Structures are given as C-alpha cells and as structure tokens.
Amino acid sequence: MSSSSSATSSSAAAAQNPKKSMGTLMANAKKHKHSFVQFFAMTGILLLSVRSLGQKYRIHDLQEDTLALRQEQESLTERMNKIKTSLLHEASLEPTGLFASRLRLLFGDEN
C-alpha cells in the first residue's frame, strides 16, 4: 500500500505543480528520444503506405472507368453511323433527291 500511496502523492504533487510535471515530461522525452523518433518515422511510413494503397485502388477504378467510357463511345459512334446510314437510305428513296442532298450537306458527305 505504501507504493500506491507514494504514486498517488507524486501524481497529486505533479498536478499541484504543472512546471514540475512538464519538466518530468521533457526529461522522459529526452531519455526516450530515439523511441519517439522511431515511432514517428514508422507512423509516417504507415500513413504513406495507406495513402499509396488508396491511390493504387483509385487508379485501378479510373482505368476501369476509362475502359467503360471507351466502349460506350464506340457503341454510340456505331449507333450514330447506323442512324446516319438509315437516314441517307430513306432520303434516297424520295423522288426529288432534295432531302438526300440536304442530309449529305449536314453530315458532310461528298457522295
């Protein structure tokens, strides 16, 4: 019981005298400086690793999005070409040919 009462009295004394507790804290920090530096270095490395891993997954997701967008672009281009061909075919059935020539002008076709 005497060790617990001495620990209690030292913490009570430190609470009453904040300058003494700050001095004790600084002394402990100086004594264990190597451990603190190592701890902060390892924490920094861990945080950088987590950030790097997050960026790796973000890059992977962006590559998947790019592939999906390319496929969608190809699909839309193909649909536009089919619609264009279909419109030109329907316009060519018109007897005057005015509509077909107007569509060719709009589409930029030389045919």
C-alpha atoms as a PDB file:
ATOM      1  CA  MET A   1       0.000   0.000   0.000  1.00  0.00           C
ATOM      2  CA  SER A   2       2.892   2.348   0.546  1.00  0.00           C
ATOM      3  CA  SER A   3       3.900   2.203  -3.149  1.00  0.00           C
ATOM      4  CA  SER A   4       0.385   3.112  -4.262  1.00  0.00           C
ATOM      5  CA  SER A   5       0.223   5.949  -1.755  1.00  0.00           C
ATOM      6  CA  SER A   6       3.591   7.283  -2.949  1.00  0.00           C
ATOM      7  CA  ALA A   7       2.432   7.087  -6.596  1.00  0.00           C
ATOM      8  CA  THR A   8      -0.744   8.897  -5.637  1.00  0.00           C
ATOM      9  CA  SER A   9       1.170  11.558  -3.735  1.00  0.00           C
ATOM     10  CA  SER A  10       3.629  12.088  -6.647  1.00  0.00           C
ATOM     11  CA  SER A  11       0.776  12.462  -9.159  1.00  0.00           C
ATOM     12  CA  ALA A  12      -1.007  14.791  -6.777  1.00  0.00           C
ATOM     13  CA  ALA A  13       2.191  16.808  -6.399  1.00  0.00           C
ATOM     14  CA  ALA A  14       2.593  16.927 -10.183  1.00  0.00           C
ATOM     15  CA  ALA A  15      -0.984  18.112 -10.544  1.00  0.00           C
ATOM     16  CA  GLN A  16      -0.333  20.858  -8.000  1.00  0.00           C
ATOM     17  CA  ASN A  17       2.932  21.908  -9.691  1.00  0.00           C
ATOM     18  CA  PRO A  18       2.495  21.889 -13.505  1.00  0.00           C
ATOM     19  CA  LYS A  19       6.050  23.178 -14.107  1.00  0.00           C
ATOM     20  CA  LYS A  20       7.482  20.133 -12.338  1.00  0.00           C
ATOM     21  CA  SER A  21       5.285  17.750 -14.370  1.00  0.00           C
ATOM     22  CA  MET A  22       6.329  19.480 -17.618  1.00  0.00           C
ATOM     23  CA  GLY A  23       9.970  19.127 -16.589  1.00  0.00           C
ATOM     24  CA  THR A  24       9.440  15.448 -15.869  1.00  0.00           C
ATOM     25  CA  LEU A  25       7.748  15.016 -19.237  1.00  0.00           C
ATOM     26  CA  MET A  26      10.626  16.737 -21.037  1.00  0.00           C
ATOM     27  CA  ALA A  27      13.174  14.632 -19.136  1.00  0.00           C
ATOM     28  CA  ASN A  28      11.369  11.445 -20.168  1.00  0.00           C
ATOM     29  CA  ALA A  29      11.188  12.683 -23.756  1.00  0.00           C
ATOM     30  CA  LYS A  30      14.930  13.352 -23.816  1.00  0.00           C
ATOM     31  CA  LYS A  31      15.640   9.963 -22.282  1.00  0.00           C
ATOM     32  CA  HIS A  32      13.480   8.143 -24.850  1.00  0.00           C
ATOM     33  CA  LYS A  33      14.188  10.441 -27.818  1.00  0.00           C
ATOM     34  CA  HIS A  34      15.254   7.557 -30.063  1.00  0.00           C
ATOM     35  CA  SER A  35      11.990   5.717 -29.383  1.00  0.00           C
ATOM     36  CA  PHE A  36       9.928   8.817 -30.170  1.00  0.00           C
ATOM     37  CA  VAL A  37      11.774   9.435 -33.431  1.00  0.00           C
ATOM     38  CA  GLN A  38      11.388   5.794 -34.417  1.00  0.00           C
ATOM     39  CA  PHE A  39       7.673   5.877 -33.525  1.00  0.00           C
ATOM     40  CA  PHE A  40       7.020   8.996 -35.594  1.00  0.00           C
ATOM     41  CA  ALA A  41       9.038   7.650 -38.525  1.00  0.00           C
ATOM     42  CA  MET A  42       7.116   4.377 -38.503  1.00  0.00           C
ATOM     43  CA  THR A  43       3.816   6.237 -38.208  1.00  0.00           C
ATOM     44  CA  GLY A  44       4.763   8.387 -41.205  1.00  0.00           C
ATOM     45  CA  ILE A  45       5.711   5.336 -43.238  1.00  0.00           C
ATOM     46  CA  LEU A  46       2.448   3.634 -42.302  1.00  0.00           C
ATOM     47  CA  LEU A  47       0.390   6.677 -43.306  1.00  0.00           C
ATOM     48  CA  LEU A  48       2.228   6.956 -46.631  1.00  0.00           C
ATOM     49  CA  SER A  49       1.653   3.257 -47.284  1.00  0.00           C
ATOM     50  CA  VAL A  50      -2.070   3.579 -46.605  1.00  0.00           C
ATOM     51  CA  ARG A  51      -2.255   6.640 -48.861  1.00  0.00           C
ATOM     52  CA  SER A  52      -0.342   4.825 -51.601  1.00  0.00           C
ATOM     53  CA  LEU A  53      -2.653   1.836 -51.363  1.00  0.00           C
ATOM     54  CA  GLY A  54      -5.680   4.113 -51.626  1.00  0.00           C
ATOM     55  CA  GLN A  55      -4.216   5.784 -54.703  1.00  0.00           C
ATOM     56  CA  LYS A  56      -3.484   2.388 -56.246  1.00  0.00           C
ATOM     57  CA  TYR A  57      -7.132   1.371 -55.925  1.00  0.00           C
ATOM     58  CA  ARG A  58      -8.267   4.777 -57.218  1.00  0.00           C
ATOM     59  CA  ILE A  59      -6.044   4.381 -60.307  1.00  0.00           C
ATOM     60  CA  HIS A  60      -7.475   0.907 -60.877  1.00  0.00           C
ATOM     61  CA  ASP A  61     -11.036   2.258 -60.648  1.00  0.00           C
ATOM     62  CA  LEU A  62     -10.193   5.105 -63.032  1.00  0.00           C
ATOM     63  CA  GLN A  63      -8.730   2.643 -65.547  1.00  0.00           C
ATOM     64  CA  GLU A  64     -11.937   0.605 -65.395  1.00  0.00           C
ATOM     65  CA  ASP A  65     -13.994   3.780 -65.886  1.00  0.00           C
ATOM     66  CA  THR A  66     -11.822   4.752 -68.874  1.00  0.00           C
ATOM     67  CA  LEU A  67     -12.360   1.348 -70.476  1.00  0.00           C
ATOM     68  CA  ALA A  68     -16.127   1.554 -69.902  1.00  0.00           C
ATOM     69  CA  LEU A  69     -16.236   5.065 -71.384  1.00  0.00           C
ATOM     70  CA  ARG A  70     -14.269   3.959 -74.467  1.00  0.00           C
ATOM     71  CA  GLN A  71     -16.660   1.078 -75.011  1.00  0.00           C
ATOM     72  CA  GLU A  72     -19.630   3.398 -74.606  1.00  0.00           C
ATOM     73  CA  GLN A  73     -18.086   5.878 -77.063  1.00  0.00           C
ATOM     74  CA  GLU A  74     -17.575   3.109 -79.630  1.00  0.00           C
ATOM     75  CA  SER A  75     -21.150   1.961 -79.136  1.00  0.00           C
ATOM     76  CA  LEU A  76     -22.501   5.499 -79.582  1.00  0.00           C
ATOM     77  CA  THR A  77     -20.362   6.060 -82.683  1.00  0.00           C
ATOM     78  CA  GLU A  78     -21.653   2.823 -84.162  1.00  0.00           C
ATOM     79  CA  ARG A  79     -25.268   3.786 -83.396  1.00  0.00           C
ATOM     80  CA  MET A  80     -24.751   7.236 -84.937  1.00  0.00           C
ATOM     81  CA  ASN A  81     -23.311   5.669 -88.106  1.00  0.00           C
ATOM     82  CA  LYS A  82     -26.253   3.247 -88.347  1.00  0.00           C
ATOM     83  CA  ILE A  83     -28.744   6.091 -87.893  1.00  0.00           C
ATOM     84  CA  LYS A  84     -26.890   8.193 -90.480  1.00  0.00           C
ATOM     85  CA  THR A  85     -26.873   5.317 -92.979  1.00  0.00           C
ATOM     86  CA  SER A  86     -30.543   4.621 -92.353  1.00  0.00           C
ATOM     87  CA  LEU A  87     -31.492   8.288 -92.800  1.00  0.00           C
ATOM     88  CA  LEU A  88     -29.500   8.566 -96.006  1.00  0.00           C
ATOM     89  CA  HIS A  89     -31.112   5.388 -97.333  1.00  0.00           C
ATOM     90  CA  GLU A  90     -34.614   6.656 -96.540  1.00  0.00           C
ATOM     91  CA  ALA A  91     -33.796  10.045 -98.048  1.00  0.00           C
ATOM     92  CA  SER A  92     -32.522   8.392-101.232  1.00  0.00           C
ATOM     93  CA  LEU A  93     -35.977   6.833-101.716  1.00  0.00           C
ATOM     94  CA  GLU A  94     -37.517  10.288-102.040  1.00  0.00           C
ATOM     95  CA  PRO A  95     -38.007  11.017-105.769  1.00  0.00           C
ATOM     96  CA  THR A  96     -36.706  14.610-105.862  1.00  0.00           C
ATOM     97  CA  GLY A  97     -33.433  13.858-104.047  1.00  0.00           C
ATOM     98  CA  LEU A  98     -33.611  17.215-102.278  1.00  0.00           C
ATOM     99  CA  PHE A  99     -33.811  15.667 -98.819  1.00  0.00           C
ATOM    100  CA  ALA A 100     -30.877  13.340 -99.526  1.00  0.00           C
ATOM    101  CA  SER A 101     -28.690  16.197-100.742  1.00  0.00           C
ATOM    102  CA  ARG A 102     -29.604  18.260 -97.673  1.00  0.00           C
ATOM    103  CA  LEU A 103     -28.692  15.338 -95.366  1.00  0.00           C
ATOM    104  CA  ARG A 104     -25.374  14.810 -97.156  1.00  0.00           C
ATOM    105  CA  LEU A 105     -24.644  18.502 -96.694  1.00  0.00           C
ATOM    106  CA  LEU A 106     -25.470  18.268 -92.967  1.00  0.00           C
ATOM    107  CA  PHE A 107     -23.402  15.097 -92.492  1.00  0.00           C
ATOM    108  CA  GLY A 108     -20.505  16.446 -94.514  1.00  0.00           C
ATOM    109  CA  ASP A 109     -20.649  13.585 -97.015  1.00  0.00           C
ATOM    110  CA  GLU A 110     -19.347  14.065-100.537  1.00  0.00           C
ATOM    111  CA  ASN A 111     -21.298  11.105-102.004  1.00  0.00           C
END
